């Protein structure tokens, strides 16, 4: 399946540069579409905030690459359990590491969603 994933060019200063365009705030990329994501920190991360991931389903998303902010920390249990129940994997790390890894994984053709909390 051909990918048309947006490139993540830069991160920091409270946002990202995606495909050459500055986007303020956190970012959710599902189905190769980047959208604003109203999650400012792990305390805001809920199952509902990942609704587009669950709507896309396992056929489109094999795992979520979650950038949790400046420091790596475990996401809320409810989110981990909901993803597991849906058969969608979860990889979480600090946002800078997730932002760097995103381009590598999409270049490999991996079917992932990126949920990146702005730093």
PDB file of N, CA and C in Angstrom:
ATOM      1  N   UNK A   1       0.833  -1.175   0.000  1.00  0.00           N
ATOM      2  CA  UNK A   1       0.000   0.000   0.000  1.00  0.00           C
ATOM      3  C   UNK A   1       0.885   1.248   0.000  1.00  0.00           C
ATOM      4  N   UNK A   2       0.681   2.133  -0.930  1.00  0.00           N
ATOM      5  CA  UNK A   2       1.480   3.351  -1.016  1.00  0.00           C
ATOM      6  C   UNK A   2       1.122   4.288   0.122  1.00  0.00           C
ATOM      7  N   UNK A   3       2.139   4.914   0.673  1.00  0.00           N
ATOM      8  CA  UNK A   3       1.935   5.855   1.770  1.00  0.00           C
ATOM      9  C   UNK A   3       2.063   7.276   1.243  1.00  0.00           C
ATOM     10  N   UNK A   4       1.289   8.150   1.803  1.00  0.00           N
ATOM     11  CA  UNK A   4       1.407   9.572   1.530  1.00  0.00           C
ATOM     12  C   UNK A   4       1.517  10.293   2.867  1.00  0.00           C
ATOM     13  N   UNK A   5       2.397   9.769   3.711  1.00  0.00           N
ATOM     14  CA  UNK A   5       2.525  10.286   5.075  1.00  0.00           C
ATOM     15  C   UNK A   5       3.185  11.657   5.060  1.00  0.00           C
ATOM     16  N   UNK A   6       2.665  12.577   5.859  1.00  0.00           N
ATOM     17  CA  UNK A   6       3.325  13.882   5.962  1.00  0.00           C
ATOM     18  C   UNK A   6       4.678  13.723   6.652  1.00  0.00           C
ATOM     19  N   UNK A   7       5.647  14.545   6.271  1.00  0.00           N
ATOM     20  CA  UNK A   7       6.951  14.502   6.929  1.00  0.00           C
ATOM     21  C   UNK A   7       6.931  15.418   8.139  1.00  0.00           C
ATOM     22  N   UNK A   8       7.592  14.982   9.159  1.00  0.00           N
ATOM     23  CA  UNK A   8       7.730  15.768  10.376  1.00  0.00           C
ATOM     24  C   UNK A   8       9.113  16.401  10.312  1.00  0.00           C
ATOM     25  N   UNK A   9       9.152  17.697   9.999  1.00  0.00           N
ATOM     26  CA  UNK A   9      10.410  18.386   9.727  1.00  0.00           C
ATOM     27  C   UNK A   9      11.088  18.929  10.981  1.00  0.00           C
ATOM     28  N   UNK A  10      10.298  19.324  11.974  1.00  0.00           N
ATOM     29  CA  UNK A  10      10.875  19.909  13.190  1.00  0.00           C
ATOM     30  C   UNK A  10       9.850  19.857  14.313  1.00  0.00           C
ATOM     31  N   UNK A  11      10.347  20.005  15.537  1.00  0.00           N
ATOM     32  CA  UNK A  11       9.484  20.058  16.714  1.00  0.00           C
ATOM     33  C   UNK A  11      10.083  21.043  17.694  1.00  0.00           C
ATOM     34  N   UNK A  12       9.261  21.561  18.588  1.00  0.00           N
ATOM     35  CA  UNK A  12       9.724  22.467  19.632  1.00  0.00           C
ATOM     36  C   UNK A  12       8.958  23.779  19.595  1.00  0.00           C
ATOM     37  N   UNK A  13       9.227  24.630  20.558  1.00  0.00           N
ATOM     38  CA  UNK A  13       8.539  25.924  20.684  1.00  0.00           C
ATOM     39  C   UNK A  13       7.028  25.753  20.671  1.00  0.00           C
ATOM     40  N   UNK A  14       6.544  24.670  21.274  1.00  0.00           N
ATOM     41  CA  UNK A  14       5.105  24.467  21.411  1.00  0.00           C
ATOM     42  C   UNK A  14       4.397  23.983  20.160  1.00  0.00           C
ATOM     43  N   UNK A  15       5.130  23.386  19.222  1.00  0.00           N
ATOM     44  CA  UNK A  15       4.474  22.887  18.017  1.00  0.00           C
ATOM     45  C   UNK A  15       5.409  22.075  17.143  1.00  0.00           C
ATOM     46  N   UNK A  16       5.027  21.939  15.886  1.00  0.00           N
ATOM     47  CA  UNK A  16       5.735  21.092  14.926  1.00  0.00           C
ATOM     48  C   UNK A  16       5.770  21.774  13.566  1.00  0.00           C
ATOM     49  N   UNK A  17       6.708  21.356  12.728  1.00  0.00           N
ATOM     50  CA  UNK A  17       6.668  21.733  11.317  1.00  0.00           C
ATOM     51  C   UNK A  17       6.399  20.444  10.545  1.00  0.00           C
ATOM     52  N   UNK A  18       5.275  20.428   9.864  1.00  0.00           N
ATOM     53  CA  UNK A  18       4.810  19.236   9.158  1.00  0.00           C
ATOM     54  C   UNK A  18       4.728  19.574   7.674  1.00  0.00           C
ATOM     55  N   UNK A  19       5.492  18.838   6.865  1.00  0.00           N
ATOM     56  CA  UNK A  19       5.486  19.102   5.426  1.00  0.00           C
ATOM     57  C   UNK A  19       5.822  20.554   5.116  1.00  0.00           C
ATOM     58  N   UNK A  20       6.713  21.152   5.909  1.00  0.00           N
ATOM     59  CA  UNK A  20       7.135  22.526   5.695  1.00  0.00           C
ATOM     60  C   UNK A  20       6.232  23.582   6.309  1.00  0.00           C
ATOM     61  N   UNK A  21       5.120  23.157   6.928  1.00  0.00           N
ATOM     62  CA  UNK A  21       4.143  24.102   7.486  1.00  0.00           C
ATOM     63  C   UNK A  21       4.163  24.035   9.008  1.00  0.00           C
ATOM     64  N   UNK A  22       4.246  25.203   9.649  1.00  0.00           N
ATOM     65  CA  UNK A  22       4.240  25.286  11.118  1.00  0.00           C
ATOM     66  C   UNK A  22       2.845  24.978  11.657  1.00  0.00           C
ATOM     67  N   UNK A  23       2.790  24.096  12.648  1.00  0.00           N
ATOM     68  CA  UNK A  23       1.525  23.756  13.326  1.00  0.00           C
ATOM     69  C   UNK A  23       1.740  23.945  14.815  1.00  0.00           C
ATOM     70  N   UNK A  24       1.006  24.865  15.424  1.00  0.00           N
ATOM     71  CA  UNK A  24       1.121  25.089  16.862  1.00  0.00           C
ATOM     72  C   UNK A  24       0.323  24.033  17.619  1.00  0.00           C
ATOM     73  N   UNK A  25       0.831  23.656  18.785  1.00  0.00           N
ATOM     74  CA  UNK A  25       0.135  22.709  19.636  1.00  0.00           C
ATOM     75  C   UNK A  25       0.468  21.269  19.301  1.00  0.00           C
ATOM     76  N   UNK A  26      -0.208  20.370  19.990  1.00  0.00           N
ATOM     77  CA  UNK A  26       0.012  18.940  19.810  1.00  0.00           C
ATOM     78  C   UNK A  26      -0.563  18.472  18.485  1.00  0.00           C
ATOM     79  N   UNK A  27      -0.119  17.289  18.058  1.00  0.00           N
ATOM     80  CA  UNK A  27      -0.402  16.810  16.711  1.00  0.00           C
ATOM     81  C   UNK A  27      -0.825  15.346  16.737  1.00  0.00           C
ATOM     82  N   UNK A  28      -1.846  15.026  15.971  1.00  0.00           N
ATOM     83  CA  UNK A  28      -2.285  13.641  15.800  1.00  0.00           C
ATOM     84  C   UNK A  28      -2.256  13.329  14.311  1.00  0.00           C
ATOM     85  N   UNK A  29      -1.517  12.283  13.938  1.00  0.00           N
ATOM     86  CA  UNK A  29      -1.437  11.875  12.539  1.00  0.00           C
ATOM     87  C   UNK A  29      -2.045  10.482  12.436  1.00  0.00           C
ATOM     88  N   UNK A  30      -3.158  10.396  11.725  1.00  0.00           N
ATOM     89  CA  UNK A  30      -3.856   9.127  11.512  1.00  0.00           C
ATOM     90  C   UNK A  30      -4.220   9.061  10.035  1.00  0.00           C
ATOM     91  N   UNK A  31      -4.014   7.904   9.424  1.00  0.00           N
ATOM     92  CA  UNK A  31      -4.357   7.760   8.011  1.00  0.00           C
ATOM     93  C   UNK A  31      -3.601   8.753   7.146  1.00  0.00           C
ATOM     94  N   UNK A  32      -2.351   9.031   7.519  1.00  0.00           N
ATOM     95  CA  UNK A  32      -1.490   9.956   6.781  1.00  0.00           C
ATOM     96  C   UNK A  32      -2.060  11.367   6.722  1.00  0.00           C
ATOM     97  N   UNK A  33      -2.912  11.721   7.675  1.00  0.00           N
ATOM     98  CA  UNK A  33      -3.461  13.073   7.778  1.00  0.00           C
ATOM     99  C   UNK A  33      -3.086  13.658   9.129  1.00  0.00           C
ATOM    100  N   UNK A  34      -2.405  14.820   9.091  1.00  0.00           N
ATOM    101  CA  UNK A  34      -2.016  15.505  10.324  1.00  0.00           C
ATOM    102  C   UNK A  34      -3.138  16.448  10.741  1.00  0.00           C
ATOM    103  N   UNK A  35      -3.463  16.405  12.015  1.00  0.00           N
ATOM    104  CA  UNK A  35      -4.514  17.281  12.543  1.00  0.00           C
ATOM    105  C   UNK A  35      -4.099  17.800  13.908  1.00  0.00           C
ATOM    106  N   UNK A  36      -4.657  18.946  14.281  1.00  0.00           N
ATOM    107  CA  UNK A  36      -4.418  19.479  15.622  1.00  0.00           C
ATOM    108  C   UNK A  36      -5.020  18.513  16.631  1.00  0.00           C
ATOM    109  N   UNK A  37      -4.384  18.444  17.792  1.00  0.00           N
ATOM    110  CA  UNK A  37      -4.806  17.478  18.819  1.00  0.00           C
ATOM    111  C   UNK A  37      -4.847  18.207  20.156  1.00  0.00           C
ATOM    112  N   UNK A  38      -6.007  18.301  20.781  1.00  0.00           N
ATOM    113  CA  UNK A  38      -6.154  19.116  21.992  1.00  0.00           C
ATOM    114  C   UNK A  38      -5.657  18.438  23.272  1.00  0.00           C
ATOM    115  N   UNK A  39      -4.453  17.872  23.209  1.00  0.00           N
ATOM    116  CA  UNK A  39      -3.852  17.223  24.378  1.00  0.00           C
ATOM    117  C   UNK A  39      -2.560  17.972  24.694  1.00  0.00           C
ATOM    118  N   UNK A  40      -2.554  18.682  25.821  1.00  0.00           N
ATOM    119  CA  UNK A  40      -1.386  19.490  26.175  1.00  0.00           C
ATOM    120  C   UNK A  40      -0.414  18.744  27.089  1.00  0.00           C
ATOM    121  N   UNK A  41      -0.866  17.639  27.685  1.00  0.00           N
ATOM    122  CA  UNK A  41      -0.024  16.849  28.578  1.00  0.00           C
ATOM    123  C   UNK A  41      -0.667  15.502  28.839  1.00  0.00           C
ATOM    124  N   UNK A  42       0.059  14.621  29.512  1.00  0.00           N
ATOM    125  CA  UNK A  42      -0.478  13.278  29.775  1.00  0.00           C
ATOM    126  C   UNK A  42      -1.781  13.322  30.555  1.00  0.00           C
ATOM    127  N   UNK A  43      -1.975  14.331  31.391  1.00  0.00           N
ATOM    128  CA  UNK A  43      -3.215  14.435  32.166  1.00  0.00           C
ATOM    129  C   UNK A  43      -4.428  14.618  31.249  1.00  0.00           C
ATOM    130  N   UNK A  44      -4.199  15.146  30.040  1.00  0.00           N
ATOM    131  CA  UNK A  44      -5.280  15.363  29.071  1.00  0.00           C
ATOM    132  C   UNK A  44      -5.523  14.148  28.174  1.00  0.00           C
ATOM    133  N   UNK A  45      -4.640  13.157  28.244  1.00  0.00           N
ATOM    134  CA  UNK A  45      -4.741  12.000  27.350  1.00  0.00           C
ATOM    135  C   UNK A  45      -5.830  11.059  27.841  1.00  0.00           C
ATOM    136  N   UNK A  46      -6.854  10.883  27.006  1.00  0.00           N
ATOM    137  CA  UNK A  46      -7.966   9.994  27.338  1.00  0.00           C
ATOM    138  C   UNK A  46      -8.233   9.068  26.163  1.00  0.00           C
ATOM    139  N   UNK A  47      -9.033   8.056  26.399  1.00  0.00           N
ATOM    140  CA  UNK A  47      -9.460   7.174  25.319  1.00  0.00           C
ATOM    141  C   UNK A  47     -10.179   8.008  24.253  1.00  0.00           C
ATOM    142  N   UNK A  48     -10.998   8.947  24.701  1.00  0.00           N
ATOM    143  CA  UNK A  48     -11.755   9.789  23.760  1.00  0.00           C
ATOM    144  C   UNK A  48     -10.837  10.643  22.898  1.00  0.00           C
ATOM    145  N   UNK A  49      -9.715  11.097  23.451  1.00  0.00           N
ATOM    146  CA  UNK A  49      -8.800  11.932  22.675  1.00  0.00           C
ATOM    147  C   UNK A  49      -8.151  11.149  21.534  1.00  0.00           C
ATOM    148  N   UNK A  50      -8.189   9.834  21.625  1.00  0.00           N
ATOM    149  CA  UNK A  50      -7.637   8.974  20.573  1.00  0.00           C
ATOM    150  C   UNK A  50      -8.732   8.382  19.683  1.00  0.00           C
ATOM    151  N   UNK A  51      -9.934   8.956  19.735  1.00  0.00           N
ATOM    152  CA  UNK A  51     -11.058   8.438  18.945  1.00  0.00           C
ATOM    153  C   UNK A  51     -10.711   8.227  17.463  1.00  0.00           C
ATOM    154  N   UNK A  52      -9.998   9.147  16.800  1.00  0.00           N
ATOM    155  CA  UNK A  52      -9.673   8.910  15.384  1.00  0.00           C
ATOM    156  C   UNK A  52      -8.835   7.643  15.158  1.00  0.00           C
ATOM    157  N   UNK A  53      -8.018   7.286  16.134  1.00  0.00           N
ATOM    158  CA  UNK A  53      -7.222   6.060  16.037  1.00  0.00           C
ATOM    159  C   UNK A  53      -8.139   4.843  16.078  1.00  0.00           C
ATOM    160  N   UNK A  54      -9.068   4.851  17.034  1.00  0.00           N
ATOM    161  CA  UNK A  54      -9.985   3.716  17.173  1.00  0.00           C
ATOM    162  C   UNK A  54     -10.918   3.628  15.965  1.00  0.00           C
ATOM    163  N   UNK A  55     -11.324   4.776  15.416  1.00  0.00           N
ATOM    164  CA  UNK A  55     -12.176   4.784  14.222  1.00  0.00           C
ATOM    165  C   UNK A  55     -11.445   4.201  13.020  1.00  0.00           C
ATOM    166  N   UNK A  56     -10.164   4.498  12.897  1.00  0.00           N
ATOM    167  CA  UNK A  56      -9.370   3.952  11.783  1.00  0.00           C
ATOM    168  C   UNK A  56      -9.232   2.439  11.935  1.00  0.00           C
ATOM    169  N   UNK A  57      -9.048   1.985  13.160  1.00  0.00           N
ATOM    170  CA  UNK A  57      -9.008   0.551  13.441  1.00  0.00           C
ATOM    171  C   UNK A  57      -7.707  -0.123  13.088  1.00  0.00           C
ATOM    172  N   UNK A  58      -7.653  -1.380  13.419  1.00  0.00           N
ATOM    173  CA  UNK A  58      -6.456  -2.215  13.265  1.00  0.00           C
ATOM    174  C   UNK A  58      -6.014  -2.333  11.812  1.00  0.00           C
ATOM    175  N   UNK A  59      -6.940  -2.278  10.868  1.00  0.00           N
ATOM    176  CA  UNK A  59      -6.571  -2.406   9.456  1.00  0.00           C
ATOM    177  C   UNK A  59      -5.667  -1.254   9.005  1.00  0.00           C
ATOM    178  N   UNK A  60      -5.856  -0.090   9.614  1.00  0.00           N
ATOM    179  CA  UNK A  60      -5.085   1.084   9.211  1.00  0.00           C
ATOM    180  C   UNK A  60      -3.971   1.440  10.189  1.00  0.00           C
ATOM    181  N   UNK A  61      -4.128   1.038  11.455  1.00  0.00           N
ATOM    182  CA  UNK A  61      -3.164   1.418  12.496  1.00  0.00           C
ATOM    183  C   UNK A  61      -2.699   0.169  13.224  1.00  0.00           C
ATOM    184  N   UNK A  62      -1.426  -0.212  13.022  1.00  0.00           N
ATOM    185  CA  UNK A  62      -0.912  -1.357  13.767  1.00  0.00           C
ATOM    186  C   UNK A  62      -0.462  -0.948  15.166  1.00  0.00           C
ATOM    187  N   UNK A  63      -0.013   0.310  15.311  1.00  0.00           N
ATOM    188  CA  UNK A  63       0.346   0.803  16.637  1.00  0.00           C
ATOM    189  C   UNK A  63       0.332   2.327  16.659  1.00  0.00           C
ATOM    190  N   UNK A  64       0.274   2.854  17.882  1.00  0.00           N
ATOM    191  CA  UNK A  64       0.327   4.288  18.115  1.00  0.00           C
ATOM    192  C   UNK A  64       1.730   4.624  18.614  1.00  0.00           C
ATOM    193  N   UNK A  65       2.354   5.577  17.952  1.00  0.00           N
ATOM    194  CA  UNK A  65       3.620   6.137  18.413  1.00  0.00           C
ATOM    195  C   UNK A  65       3.255   7.384  19.207  1.00  0.00           C
ATOM    196  N   UNK A  66       3.397   7.303  20.525  1.00  0.00           N
ATOM    197  CA  UNK A  66       2.959   8.362  21.420  1.00  0.00           C
ATOM    198  C   UNK A  66       4.153   9.124  21.968  1.00  0.00           C
ATOM    199  N   UNK A  67       4.203  10.415  21.656  1.00  0.00           N
ATOM    200  CA  UNK A  67       5.196  11.304  22.247  1.00  0.00           C
ATOM    201  C   UNK A  67       4.565  11.960  23.460  1.00  0.00           C
ATOM    202  N   UNK A  68       5.058  11.636  24.652  1.00  0.00           N
ATOM    203  CA  UNK A  68       4.373  12.012  25.899  1.00  0.00           C
ATOM    204  C   UNK A  68       4.801  13.362  26.464  1.00  0.00           C
ATOM    205  N   UNK A  69       5.670  14.077  25.770  1.00  0.00           N
ATOM    206  CA  UNK A  69       6.130  15.374  26.257  1.00  0.00           C
ATOM    207  C   UNK A  69       7.635  15.385  26.416  1.00  0.00           C
ATOM    208  N   UNK A  70       8.123  16.240  27.301  1.00  0.00           N
ATOM    209  CA  UNK A  70       9.567  16.435  27.478  1.00  0.00           C
ATOM    210  C   UNK A  70      10.244  15.191  28.052  1.00  0.00           C
ATOM    211  N   UNK A  71       9.585  14.536  29.015  1.00  0.00           N
ATOM    212  CA  UNK A  71      10.159  13.350  29.668  1.00  0.00           C
ATOM    213  C   UNK A  71       9.251  12.147  29.456  1.00  0.00           C
ATOM    214  N   UNK A  72       9.877  10.999  29.256  1.00  0.00           N
ATOM    215  CA  UNK A  72       9.106   9.773  29.074  1.00  0.00           C
ATOM    216  C   UNK A  72       8.349   9.444  30.351  1.00  0.00           C
ATOM    217  N   UNK A  73       7.090   9.062  30.189  1.00  0.00           N
ATOM    218  CA  UNK A  73       6.245   8.661  31.318  1.00  0.00           C
ATOM    219  C   UNK A  73       5.169   7.733  30.774  1.00  0.00           C
ATOM    220  N   UNK A  74       4.664   6.883  31.643  1.00  0.00           N
ATOM    221  CA  UNK A  74       3.660   5.913  31.213  1.00  0.00           C
ATOM    222  C   UNK A  74       2.301   6.586  30.998  1.00  0.00           C
ATOM    223  N   UNK A  75       1.659   6.285  29.862  1.00  0.00           N
ATOM    224  CA  UNK A  75       0.315   6.821  29.610  1.00  0.00           C
ATOM    225  C   UNK A  75      -0.705   6.233  30.594  1.00  0.00           C
ATOM    226  N   UNK A  76      -1.852   6.884  30.734  1.00  0.00           N
ATOM    227  CA  UNK A  76      -2.892   6.390  31.649  1.00  0.00           C
ATOM    228  C   UNK A  76      -3.303   4.942  31.339  1.00  0.00           C
ATOM    229  N   UNK A  77      -3.606   4.207  32.391  1.00  0.00           N
ATOM    230  CA  UNK A  77      -3.993   2.798  32.265  1.00  0.00           C
ATOM    231  C   UNK A  77      -5.185   2.618  31.323  1.00  0.00           C
ATOM    232  N   UNK A  78      -6.185   3.496  31.410  1.00  0.00           N
ATOM    233  CA  UNK A  78      -7.377   3.347  30.572  1.00  0.00           C
ATOM    234  C   UNK A  78      -7.020   3.399  29.089  1.00  0.00           C
ATOM    235  N   UNK A  79      -6.084   4.261  28.730  1.00  0.00           N
ATOM    236  CA  UNK A  79      -5.649   4.368  27.334  1.00  0.00           C
ATOM    237  C   UNK A  79      -4.908   3.106  26.921  1.00  0.00           C
ATOM    238  N   UNK A  80      -3.991   2.638  27.756  1.00  0.00           N
ATOM    239  CA  UNK A  80      -3.235   1.416  27.444  1.00  0.00           C
ATOM    240  C   UNK A  80      -4.175   0.226  27.267  1.00  0.00           C
ATOM    241  N   UNK A  81      -5.146   0.103  28.164  1.00  0.00           N
ATOM    242  CA  UNK A  81      -6.070  -1.036  28.104  1.00  0.00           C
ATOM    243  C   UNK A  81      -6.992  -0.949  26.884  1.00  0.00           C
ATOM    244  N   UNK A  82      -7.469   0.246  26.537  1.00  0.00           N
ATOM    245  CA  UNK A  82      -8.358   0.397  25.379  1.00  0.00           C
ATOM    246  C   UNK A  82      -7.629   0.047  24.088  1.00  0.00           C
ATOM    247  N   UNK A  83      -6.379   0.481  23.961  1.00  0.00           N
ATOM    248  CA  UNK A  83      -5.604   0.144  22.762  1.00  0.00           C
ATOM    249  C   UNK A  83      -5.358  -1.361  22.684  1.00  0.00           C
ATOM    250  N   UNK A  84      -5.016  -1.957  23.823  1.00  0.00           N
ATOM    251  CA  UNK A  84      -4.776  -3.402  23.845  1.00  0.00           C
ATOM    252  C   UNK A  84      -6.042  -4.160  23.432  1.00  0.00           C
ATOM    253  N   UNK A  85      -7.174  -3.751  23.963  1.00  0.00           N
ATOM    254  CA  UNK A  85      -8.454  -4.399  23.638  1.00  0.00           C
ATOM    255  C   UNK A  85      -8.773  -4.273  22.150  1.00  0.00           C
ATOM    256  N   UNK A  86      -8.390  -3.137  21.543  1.00  0.00           N
ATOM    257  CA  UNK A  86      -8.638  -2.910  20.114  1.00  0.00           C
ATOM    258  C   UNK A  86      -7.609  -3.606  19.234  1.00  0.00           C
ATOM    259  N   UNK A  87      -6.591  -4.217  19.857  1.00  0.00           N
ATOM    260  CA  UNK A  87      -5.562  -4.899  19.083  1.00  0.00           C
ATOM    261  C   UNK A  87      -4.570  -3.944  18.438  1.00  0.00           C
ATOM    262  N   UNK A  88      -4.466  -2.733  19.002  1.00  0.00           N
ATOM    263  CA  UNK A  88      -3.556  -1.717  18.482  1.00  0.00           C
ATOM    264  C   UNK A  88      -2.408  -1.568  19.468  1.00  0.00           C
ATOM    265  N   UNK A  89      -1.195  -1.693  18.963  1.00  0.00           N
ATOM    266  CA  UNK A  89      -0.024  -1.591  19.823  1.00  0.00           C
ATOM    267  C   UNK A  89       0.222  -0.165  20.279  1.00  0.00           C
ATOM    268  N   UNK A  90       1.128  -0.022  21.246  1.00  0.00           N
ATOM    269  CA  UNK A  90       1.471   1.286  21.781  1.00  0.00           C
ATOM    270  C   UNK A  90       2.967   1.339  22.036  1.00  0.00           C
ATOM    271  N   UNK A  91       3.605   2.342  21.453  1.00  0.00           N
ATOM    272  CA  UNK A  91       5.000   2.644  21.758  1.00  0.00           C
ATOM    273  C   UNK A  91       5.007   4.067  22.268  1.00  0.00           C
ATOM    274  N   UNK A  92       5.535   4.295  23.469  1.00  0.00           N
ATOM    275  CA  UNK A  92       5.557   5.648  24.009  1.00  0.00           C
ATOM    276  C   UNK A  92       6.966   6.023  24.428  1.00  0.00           C
ATOM    277  N   UNK A  93       7.266   7.293  24.250  1.00  0.00           N
ATOM    278  CA  UNK A  93       8.585   7.843  24.558  1.00  0.00           C
ATOM    279  C   UNK A  93       8.447   9.349  24.621  1.00  0.00           C
ATOM    280  N   UNK A  94       9.531  10.035  24.989  1.00  0.00           N
ATOM    281  CA  UNK A  94       9.451  11.495  25.001  1.00  0.00           C
ATOM    282  C   UNK A  94       9.195  11.981  23.568  1.00  0.00           C
ATOM    283  N   UNK A  95       8.572  13.139  23.459  1.00  0.00           N
ATOM    284  CA  UNK A  95       8.181  13.652  22.146  1.00  0.00           C
ATOM    285  C   UNK A  95       9.365  13.841  21.202  1.00  0.00           C
ATOM    286  N   UNK A  96      10.522  14.375  21.641  1.00  0.00           N
ATOM    287  CA  UNK A  96      11.628  14.498  20.689  1.00  0.00           C
ATOM    288  C   UNK A  96      12.028  13.162  20.051  1.00  0.00           C
ATOM    289  N   UNK A  97      12.095  12.096  20.851  1.00  0.00           N
ATOM    290  CA  UNK A  97      12.439  10.784  20.311  1.00  0.00           C
ATOM    291  C   UNK A  97      11.352  10.276  19.362  1.00  0.00           C
ATOM    292  N   UNK A  98      10.085  10.469  19.736  1.00  0.00           N
ATOM    293  CA  UNK A  98       8.971  10.018  18.888  1.00  0.00           C
ATOM    294  C   UNK A  98       8.953  10.782  17.561  1.00  0.00           C
ATOM    295  N   UNK A  99       9.229  12.077  17.608  1.00  0.00           N
ATOM    296  CA  UNK A  99       9.235  12.882  16.391  1.00  0.00           C
ATOM    297  C   UNK A  99      10.329  12.404  15.436  1.00  0.00           C
ATOM    298  N   UNK A 100      11.493  12.066  15.975  1.00  0.00           N
ATOM    299  CA  UNK A 100      12.592  11.573  15.125  1.00  0.00           C
ATOM    300  C   UNK A 100      12.256  10.194  14.551  1.00  0.00           C
ATOM    301  N   UNK A 101      11.646   9.343  15.360  1.00  0.00           N
ATOM    302  CA  UNK A 101      11.334   7.978  14.930  1.00  0.00           C
ATOM    303  C   UNK A 101      10.203   7.928  13.907  1.00  0.00           C
ATOM    304  N   UNK A 102       9.270   8.870  13.982  1.00  0.00           N
ATOM    305  CA  UNK A 102       8.107   8.881  13.091  1.00  0.00           C
ATOM    306  C   UNK A 102       8.503   8.790  11.614  1.00  0.00           C
ATOM    307  N   UNK A 103       9.423   9.658  11.172  1.00  0.00           N
ATOM    308  CA  UNK A 103       9.798   9.657   9.751  1.00  0.00           C
ATOM    309  C   UNK A 103      10.438   8.338   9.331  1.00  0.00           C
ATOM    310  N   UNK A 104      11.243   7.751  10.209  1.00  0.00           N
ATOM    311  CA  UNK A 104      11.885   6.475   9.911  1.00  0.00           C
ATOM    312  C   UNK A 104      10.826   5.391   9.701  1.00  0.00           C
ATOM    313  N   UNK A 105       9.863   5.326  10.614  1.00  0.00           N
ATOM    314  CA  UNK A 105       8.846   4.272  10.551  1.00  0.00           C
ATOM    315  C   UNK A 105       7.915   4.447   9.349  1.00  0.00           C
ATOM    316  N   UNK A 106       7.541   5.684   9.028  1.00  0.00           N
ATOM    317  CA  UNK A 106       6.671   5.875   7.866  1.00  0.00           C
ATOM    318  C   UNK A 106       7.429   5.571   6.580  1.00  0.00           C
ATOM    319  N   UNK A 107       8.721   5.887   6.537  1.00  0.00           N
ATOM    320  CA  UNK A 107       9.529   5.561   5.354  1.00  0.00           C
ATOM    321  C   UNK A 107       9.600   4.052   5.147  1.00  0.00           C
ATOM    322  N   UNK A 108       9.522   3.301   6.239  1.00  0.00           N
ATOM    323  CA  UNK A 108       9.503   1.833   6.161  1.00  0.00           C
ATOM    324  C   UNK A 108       8.124   1.298   5.786  1.00  0.00           C
ATOM    325  N   UNK A 109       7.145   2.188   5.681  1.00  0.00           N
ATOM    326  CA  UNK A 109       5.793   1.768   5.309  1.00  0.00           C
ATOM    327  C   UNK A 109       4.950   1.243   6.468  1.00  0.00           C
ATOM    328  N   UNK A 110       5.399   1.488   7.690  1.00  0.00           N
ATOM    329  CA  UNK A 110       4.646   1.007   8.847  1.00  0.00           C
ATOM    330  C   UNK A 110       3.325   1.733   8.958  1.00  0.00           C
ATOM    331  N   UNK A 111       2.284   1.001   9.334  1.00  0.00           N
ATOM    332  CA  UNK A 111       0.943   1.582   9.516  1.00  0.00           C
ATOM    333  C   UNK A 111       0.823   2.034  10.966  1.00  0.00           C
ATOM    334  N   UNK A 112       1.100   3.310  11.179  1.00  0.00           N
ATOM    335  CA  UNK A 112       1.055   3.812  12.533  1.00  0.00           C
ATOM    336  C   UNK A 112       0.282   5.104  12.613  1.00  0.00           C
ATOM    337  N   UNK A 113      -0.147   5.394  13.813  1.00  0.00           N
ATOM    338  CA  UNK A 113      -0.700   6.717  14.138  1.00  0.00           C
ATOM    339  C   UNK A 113       0.344   7.358  15.051  1.00  0.00           C
ATOM    340  N   UNK A 114       0.551   8.652  14.878  1.00  0.00           N
ATOM    341  CA  UNK A 114       1.447   9.392  15.748  1.00  0.00           C
ATOM    342  C   UNK A 114       0.628  10.366  16.576  1.00  0.00           C
ATOM    343  N   UNK A 115       0.766  10.273  17.878  1.00  0.00           N
ATOM    344  CA  UNK A 115       0.098  11.185  18.807  1.00  0.00           C
ATOM    345  C   UNK A 115       1.209  11.889  19.571  1.00  0.00           C
ATOM    346  N   UNK A 116       1.437  13.152  19.218  1.00  0.00           N
ATOM    347  CA  UNK A 116       2.605  13.865  19.701  1.00  0.00           C
ATOM    348  C   UNK A 116       2.219  15.080  20.532  1.00  0.00           C
ATOM    349  N   UNK A 117       2.554  15.048  21.813  1.00  0.00           N
ATOM    350  CA  UNK A 117       2.294  16.168  22.705  1.00  0.00           C
ATOM    351  C   UNK A 117       3.395  17.202  22.476  1.00  0.00           C
ATOM    352  N   UNK A 118       2.989  18.418  22.173  1.00  0.00           N
ATOM    353  CA  UNK A 118       3.945  19.482  21.861  1.00  0.00           C
ATOM    354  C   UNK A 118       4.874  19.770  23.028  1.00  0.00           C
ATOM    355  N   UNK A 119       6.120  20.094  22.695  1.00  0.00           N
ATOM    356  CA  UNK A 119       7.123  20.478  23.702  1.00  0.00           C
ATOM    357  C   UNK A 119       7.663  21.861  23.367  1.00  0.00           C
TER     358      UNK A 119
END
